[in-house]
Structures are given as structure tokens and as C-alpha cells.
Amino acid sequence: MLSEVSEVWLQYDEDPQDTYGRELCYVWLKGDVDISAKNDIKKYMVNALLLRKGYVYTSVYEPNDTYERLFYKLERVARKNKRGLWKYKQFRTIVDEKRK
């Protein structure tokens, strides 16, 4: 996915790093997007693309919750349709246990 672009754009939320110093950002495949438009988010935000394909699950690091509702929705659709890792029962079990 990233090999098809020459640059990425990083969007930071409230806190740019977690307690371990890791960058917390949204990664965009292009910079001239409407960051509030669902179609642009679904098409150009790497975080959302990975969720839609079922390769990741939603993790929210407060207060960085700008896209929380949309991310959970994308995850639910991927899980329901058994996309990516969601087709594996073990993955679903691990995620469910982490969220208890």
C-alpha cells in the first residue's frame, strides 16, 4: 500500500506520543483530503484501510479519539464479513479477551 505513494501525510490528534514515546498519528496516503469526509477517510487513511481489510483491530489511546466511532464501525463490518484476520477464531478470541 505504501509502496504506491512517494509521500505520506501524518495527522496528529491531542497527544502526539504515548507514554513510551511512540508516535500516535493517522497516516494518509495523500495530503489534499477532507479529513472529516468519510469517503476520503475510507479511501486514503491507512489506519482506516487496515481496519476495513481486517488486518488490525481498533485501539483508542485517550484523548486521541477523533475517529473512534468510525474505526469501530469499520472493524465491526470487517469482523461480520470475516475479512482478513477476523476469519480466524483465535484472533477474534484474543481481541475479545483484551477488551474485557
Protein backbone atom coordinates (compact mmCIF):
# COMPACT_ATOMS: atom_id res chain seq x y z
CA MET A 1 0.00 0.00 0.00
CA LEU A 2 2.73 2.46 0.93
CA SER A 3 4.95 1.43 -1.98
CA GLU A 4 2.45 3.06 -4.35
CA VAL A 5 2.97 6.57 -2.93
CA SER A 6 6.05 8.77 -2.70
CA GLU A 7 4.95 10.64 0.43
CA VAL A 8 2.55 10.18 3.31
CA TRP A 9 0.88 12.79 5.48
CA LEU A 10 0.70 12.35 9.26
CA GLN A 11 -2.21 13.77 11.21
CA TYR A 12 -1.81 14.09 14.96
CA ASP A 13 -4.62 14.15 17.50
CA GLU A 14 -4.44 15.58 21.04
CA ASP A 15 -1.35 13.69 22.22
CA PRO A 16 1.35 13.09 19.60
CA GLN A 17 3.04 10.30 21.62
CA ASP A 18 2.09 7.62 24.10
CA THR A 19 3.80 7.09 27.47
CA TYR A 20 6.54 5.03 25.75
CA GLY A 21 7.38 7.79 23.26
CA ARG A 22 5.74 6.06 20.29
CA GLU A 23 4.14 8.29 17.66
CA LEU A 24 0.34 8.31 17.73
CA CYS A 25 -0.93 9.54 14.39
CA TYR A 26 -3.24 8.89 11.49
CA VAL A 27 -1.40 8.10 8.26
CA TRP A 28 -2.77 9.48 5.00
CA LEU A 29 -1.76 8.39 1.50
CA LYS A 30 -2.15 11.95 0.26
CA GLY A 31 -2.32 15.38 1.80
CA ASP A 32 -5.11 17.09 -0.11
CA VAL A 33 -8.04 15.30 1.52
CA ASP A 34 -11.03 16.33 3.58
CA ILE A 35 -10.14 14.80 6.96
CA SER A 36 -13.80 14.89 8.01
CA ALA A 37 -15.21 13.25 4.86
CA LYS A 38 -15.93 9.54 5.40
CA ASN A 39 -15.20 8.72 1.75
CA ASP A 40 -11.75 10.34 1.94
CA ILE A 41 -11.05 8.61 5.25
CA LYS A 42 -12.05 5.19 3.89
CA LYS A 43 -10.06 5.68 0.69
CA TYR A 44 -6.89 7.48 1.82
CA MET A 45 -6.29 6.91 5.56
CA VAL A 46 -4.02 3.91 6.13
CA ASN A 47 -5.48 3.29 9.61
CA ALA A 48 -9.00 3.01 8.14
CA LEU A 49 -7.86 0.89 5.18
CA LEU A 50 -6.20 -1.62 7.52
CA LEU A 51 -9.37 -1.80 9.63
CA ARG A 52 -11.57 -2.29 6.56
CA LYS A 53 -9.39 -5.15 5.33
CA GLY A 54 -9.44 -6.83 8.74
CA TYR A 55 -5.71 -6.63 9.36
CA VAL A 56 -5.96 -4.70 12.64
CA TYR A 57 -8.42 -4.00 15.41
CA THR A 58 -9.35 -0.68 16.95
CA SER A 59 -7.26 0.65 19.82
CA VAL A 60 -8.05 4.07 21.23
CA TYR A 61 -5.47 5.97 23.26
CA GLU A 62 -7.34 8.74 25.06
CA PRO A 63 -7.62 11.62 24.44
CA ASN A 64 -6.89 10.67 20.79
CA ASP A 65 -10.38 9.66 19.80
CA THR A 66 -11.21 11.77 16.73
CA TYR A 67 -12.08 8.76 14.56
CA GLU A 68 -13.10 6.32 17.29
CA ARG A 69 -16.72 5.81 16.21
CA LEU A 70 -15.83 5.33 12.56
CA PHE A 71 -12.97 2.96 13.40
CA TYR A 72 -15.23 0.73 15.50
CA LYS A 73 -17.80 0.72 12.71
CA LEU A 74 -15.20 -0.30 10.12
CA GLU A 75 -13.95 -3.02 12.47
CA ARG A 76 -17.48 -4.36 13.04
CA VAL A 77 -18.07 -4.64 9.29
CA ALA A 78 -14.74 -6.41 8.74
CA ARG A 79 -15.46 -8.78 11.62
CA LYS A 80 -19.01 -9.51 10.43
CA ASN A 81 -17.72 -10.29 6.93
CA LYS A 82 -14.75 -12.28 8.29
CA ARG A 83 -12.22 -10.19 6.42
CA GLY A 84 -8.50 -10.59 6.99
CA LEU A 85 -7.62 -11.81 10.47
CA TRP A 86 -11.28 -11.84 11.55
CA LYS A 87 -11.77 -15.12 9.72
CA TYR A 88 -9.65 -16.80 12.41
CA LYS A 89 -11.45 -17.71 15.60
CA GLN A 90 -8.23 -17.42 17.60
CA PHE A 91 -7.82 -13.76 16.54
CA ARG A 92 -11.42 -12.96 17.48
CA THR A 93 -10.90 -14.64 20.86
CA ILE A 94 -7.68 -12.72 21.57
CA VAL A 95 -9.30 -9.37 20.74
CA ASP A 96 -12.39 -10.17 22.81
CA GLU A 97 -10.24 -11.13 25.80
CA LYS A 98 -8.18 -7.93 25.56
CA ARG A 99 -11.35 -5.87 25.68
CA LYS A 100 -12.77 -7.45 28.83
